[in-house]
Amino acid sequence: MQQLPTKLKDYFLKDINPIIRFLIISDTILIGAAGLLGPIFAIFIEEFIQGGNETIAGTAAGIYLFSRSILQIPIARLIDTIRGERDDFWFMFIFTFFVAIIPLFYLVISTPIQLYIIQFVLGLCTAFTFPAYMAIFTRHIDKGKEGTEWGIYFTLTDLAGAVLAIVGGYVAVSVGFPVLIIACTTLSLIGALLLGPIKPYIKTASSN
């Protein structure tokens, strides 16, 4: 079996079709942004939510995962039912923006119930973005390079999450959680905007 050599240009997204390239760049930024806050989110809850403790933090995480998990399959079936890729793109694009701005609500809440509502809505929005993203990625991944391109995806997103988790801890200690949340939102919005350039390619693919 012929072994394909790993090339440095793979890490710089060379020789990858534009849809996959922008999907990877976008998610690298979005997952990096989530890394700013995610690892220390429980500390935020303890400091800014009334009665904040490990139980509330665990419940908040559970509500997010529950709503995302329960709603993801029905939404994915809806996406598959609608012919063409335009619906996939718009579900992904619009709800990624919602996911990006939701952290701003952490700045104005103070009770566990408010936190739980936000976590439920975040799970709902993610249930739209994830299947749509995966559907587009799966259709447009370059044939014969599936392993390489998935490897590039996970390498870049994991690295971004790791680096920005360290940065997030430093920012929280240095200037506080409000600045960290605003930075997280700003970075997430940039990641969402980077989905825009794939729209012309999606339109062409839908008409085939």
Protein backbone atom coordinates (compact mmCIF):
# COMPACT_ATOMS: atom_id res chain seq x y z
CA MET A 1 0.00 0.00 0.00
CA GLN A 2 1.39 3.35 -1.03
CA GLN A 3 1.90 5.76 1.85
CA LEU A 4 1.31 9.41 1.10
CA PRO A 5 3.93 11.66 2.71
CA THR A 6 2.80 14.39 5.07
CA LYS A 7 3.53 17.74 3.49
CA LEU A 8 4.07 21.01 5.34
CA LYS A 9 1.67 22.74 2.98
CA ASP A 10 -1.15 20.55 4.35
CA TYR A 11 -0.95 22.52 7.60
CA PHE A 12 -1.38 25.76 5.66
CA LEU A 13 -4.50 24.47 3.86
CA LYS A 14 -2.87 24.31 0.44
CA ASP A 15 -4.33 22.03 -2.26
CA ILE A 16 -7.72 22.01 -0.52
CA ASN A 17 -10.91 23.12 -2.21
CA PRO A 18 -12.25 26.52 -1.06
CA ILE A 19 -15.29 25.18 0.78
CA ILE A 20 -13.25 22.86 2.98
CA ARG A 21 -10.59 25.53 3.47
CA PHE A 22 -13.03 28.13 4.80
CA LEU A 23 -14.92 25.56 6.87
CA ILE A 24 -11.69 24.56 8.59
CA ILE A 25 -10.54 28.16 9.13
CA SER A 26 -13.93 29.16 10.49
CA ASP A 27 -14.18 26.26 12.93
CA THR A 28 -10.58 26.72 14.03
CA ILE A 29 -11.42 30.27 15.09
CA LEU A 30 -14.78 29.32 16.61
CA ILE A 31 -13.37 26.44 18.64
CA GLY A 32 -10.44 28.60 19.66
CA ALA A 33 -12.89 31.25 20.86
CA ALA A 34 -14.77 28.64 22.87
CA GLY A 35 -11.44 27.61 24.37
CA LEU A 36 -11.03 31.08 25.83
CA LEU A 37 -13.93 30.57 28.21
CA GLY A 38 -14.81 26.88 28.26
CA PRO A 39 -12.13 25.46 30.57
CA ILE A 40 -12.74 28.12 33.24
CA PHE A 41 -16.51 28.48 32.81
CA ALA A 42 -17.14 26.84 36.19
CA ILE A 43 -15.05 29.56 37.87
CA PHE A 44 -17.15 32.20 36.11
CA ILE A 45 -20.31 30.57 37.48
CA GLU A 46 -18.94 30.55 41.02
CA GLU A 47 -18.08 34.24 40.83
CA PHE A 48 -21.03 35.72 38.93
CA ILE A 49 -24.04 33.45 39.49
CA GLN A 50 -25.94 33.61 42.78
CA GLY A 51 -25.10 30.52 44.81
CA GLY A 52 -22.75 29.40 42.05
CA ASN A 53 -21.13 26.07 42.83
CA GLU A 54 -20.12 22.77 41.27
CA THR A 55 -23.73 21.56 41.09
CA ILE A 56 -24.90 24.58 39.14
CA ALA A 57 -21.91 24.35 36.80
CA GLY A 58 -22.56 20.67 36.15
CA THR A 59 -26.27 21.26 35.60
CA ALA A 60 -25.55 24.10 33.16
CA ALA A 61 -23.22 21.87 31.14
CA GLY A 62 -25.75 19.05 31.24
CA ILE A 63 -28.58 21.24 29.97
CA TYR A 64 -26.48 22.40 27.03
CA LEU A 65 -25.50 18.85 26.08
CA PHE A 66 -29.04 17.53 26.62
CA SER A 67 -30.74 20.12 24.42
CA ARG A 68 -28.09 19.74 21.73
CA SER A 69 -28.28 15.94 21.76
CA ILE A 70 -32.07 15.65 21.80
CA LEU A 71 -32.68 18.22 19.06
CA GLN A 72 -29.77 17.37 16.78
CA ILE A 73 -31.26 14.32 15.05
CA PRO A 74 -34.67 15.89 14.20
CA ILE A 75 -32.89 18.98 12.86
CA ALA A 76 -30.46 16.83 10.88
CA ARG A 77 -33.39 14.94 9.33
CA LEU A 78 -34.99 18.26 8.39
CA ILE A 79 -31.76 19.37 6.73
CA ASP A 80 -31.58 16.11 4.78
CA THR A 81 -35.22 16.39 3.74
CA ILE A 82 -34.80 19.78 2.06
CA ARG A 83 -33.16 19.31 -1.33
CA GLY A 84 -30.01 21.21 -2.19
CA GLU A 85 -27.38 22.79 0.00
CA ARG A 86 -28.67 26.31 0.38
CA ASP A 87 -30.66 25.39 3.46
CA ASP A 88 -27.56 23.72 4.94
CA PHE A 89 -25.55 26.88 4.40
CA TRP A 90 -28.13 29.24 5.85
CA PHE A 91 -28.80 27.06 8.89
CA MET A 92 -25.05 26.90 9.52
CA PHE A 93 -24.41 30.60 8.86
CA ILE A 94 -27.34 32.10 10.81
CA PHE A 95 -27.13 29.85 13.84
CA THR A 96 -23.35 30.21 14.03
CA PHE A 97 -23.96 33.94 14.52
CA PHE A 98 -26.43 33.14 17.30
CA VAL A 99 -23.86 30.87 18.94
CA ALA A 100 -21.29 33.66 18.65
CA ILE A 101 -23.37 36.31 20.42
CA ILE A 102 -24.94 34.14 23.13
CA PRO A 103 -21.93 34.54 25.49
CA LEU A 104 -22.78 38.25 25.76
CA PHE A 105 -25.82 37.26 27.84
CA TYR A 106 -23.46 35.93 30.50
CA LEU A 107 -22.64 39.57 31.22
CA VAL A 108 -26.20 40.41 32.31
CA ILE A 109 -27.40 37.30 34.13
CA SER A 110 -27.13 36.55 37.82
CA THR A 111 -29.38 33.59 38.66
CA PRO A 112 -29.08 29.86 37.92
CA ILE A 113 -32.42 29.84 36.06
CA GLN A 114 -31.20 32.53 33.67
CA LEU A 115 -28.01 30.55 33.12
CA TYR A 116 -29.96 27.36 32.41
CA ILE A 117 -32.14 29.13 29.82
CA ILE A 118 -29.07 30.46 28.03
CA GLN A 119 -27.48 27.02 28.05
CA PHE A 120 -30.63 25.47 26.58
CA VAL A 121 -30.73 28.05 23.79
CA LEU A 122 -27.03 27.54 23.13
CA GLY A 123 -27.63 23.81 22.76
CA LEU A 124 -30.55 24.48 20.40
CA CYS A 125 -28.45 26.74 18.16
CA THR A 126 -25.57 24.27 18.11
CA ALA A 127 -28.01 21.53 17.12
CA PHE A 128 -28.59 23.49 13.91
CA THR A 129 -24.97 24.36 13.16
CA PHE A 130 -23.32 20.99 13.69
CA PRO A 131 -25.34 18.79 11.27
CA ALA A 132 -25.35 21.49 8.60
CA TYR A 133 -21.58 21.97 8.91
CA MET A 134 -20.90 18.24 8.76
CA ALA A 135 -23.23 17.76 5.80
CA ILE A 136 -21.41 20.40 3.74
CA PHE A 137 -17.98 19.20 4.84
CA THR A 138 -18.82 15.59 3.96
CA ARG A 139 -20.09 16.44 0.48
CA HIS A 140 -17.14 18.62 -0.49
CA ILE A 141 -14.17 16.87 1.09
CA ASP A 142 -11.58 16.11 -1.59
CA LYS A 143 -11.73 12.50 -2.74
CA GLY A 144 -8.67 10.52 -1.85
CA LYS A 145 -7.70 13.04 0.84
CA GLU A 146 -10.46 12.38 3.37
CA GLY A 147 -8.10 11.25 6.12
CA THR A 148 -5.69 14.09 5.53
CA GLU A 149 -8.35 16.79 5.54
CA TRP A 150 -10.09 15.46 8.64
CA GLY A 151 -6.64 15.23 10.24
CA ILE A 152 -5.93 18.85 9.35
CA TYR A 153 -9.32 19.86 10.76
CA PHE A 154 -8.77 18.21 14.14
CA THR A 155 -5.12 19.26 14.36
CA LEU A 156 -5.86 22.95 13.79
CA THR A 157 -8.99 23.08 15.95
CA ASP A 158 -7.31 21.22 18.82
CA LEU A 159 -4.25 23.46 18.66
CA ALA A 160 -6.40 26.59 18.63
CA GLY A 161 -8.43 25.33 21.59
CA ALA A 162 -5.28 24.47 23.54
CA VAL A 163 -3.50 27.77 22.94
CA LEU A 164 -6.54 29.94 23.62
CA ALA A 165 -7.43 27.99 26.77
CA ILE A 166 -4.11 29.16 28.18
CA VAL A 167 -4.74 32.70 26.95
CA GLY A 168 -8.24 32.66 28.43
CA GLY A 169 -6.97 31.82 31.89
CA TYR A 170 -4.43 34.63 31.72
CA VAL A 171 -7.00 37.18 30.47
CA ALA A 172 -9.51 36.21 33.18
CA VAL A 173 -6.93 36.72 35.90
CA SER A 174 -5.45 39.88 34.40
CA VAL A 175 -8.48 41.89 33.26
CA GLY A 176 -11.52 39.90 34.32
CA PHE A 177 -14.28 37.78 32.85
CA PRO A 178 -16.24 40.60 31.15
CA VAL A 179 -13.29 41.41 28.88
CA LEU A 180 -12.77 37.69 28.27
CA ILE A 181 -16.41 37.21 27.24
CA ILE A 182 -16.28 40.17 24.86
CA ALA A 183 -13.08 38.78 23.33
CA CYS A 184 -14.71 35.37 22.98
CA THR A 185 -17.72 36.90 21.22
CA THR A 186 -15.60 39.05 18.90
CA LEU A 187 -13.46 36.10 17.85
CA SER A 188 -16.55 33.94 17.34
CA LEU A 189 -18.13 36.57 15.09
CA ILE A 190 -14.99 36.62 12.97
CA GLY A 191 -15.22 32.84 12.65
CA ALA A 192 -18.88 33.10 11.65
CA LEU A 193 -18.11 35.73 9.00
CA LEU A 194 -15.52 33.43 7.45
CA LEU A 195 -18.34 31.09 6.46
CA GLY A 196 -19.61 33.75 4.05
CA PRO A 197 -17.05 33.17 1.27
CA ILE A 198 -18.31 29.63 0.67
CA LYS A 199 -21.79 30.81 -0.34
CA PRO A 200 -21.05 31.15 -4.10
CA TYR A 201 -19.68 27.61 -4.18
CA ILE A 202 -22.71 26.29 -2.30
CA LYS A 203 -25.02 27.96 -4.80
CA THR A 204 -23.21 26.28 -7.71
CA ALA A 205 -23.30 22.91 -5.98
CA SER A 206 -27.03 23.25 -5.28
CA SER A 207 -27.86 23.71 -8.90
CA ASN A 208 -26.16 20.48 -9.98
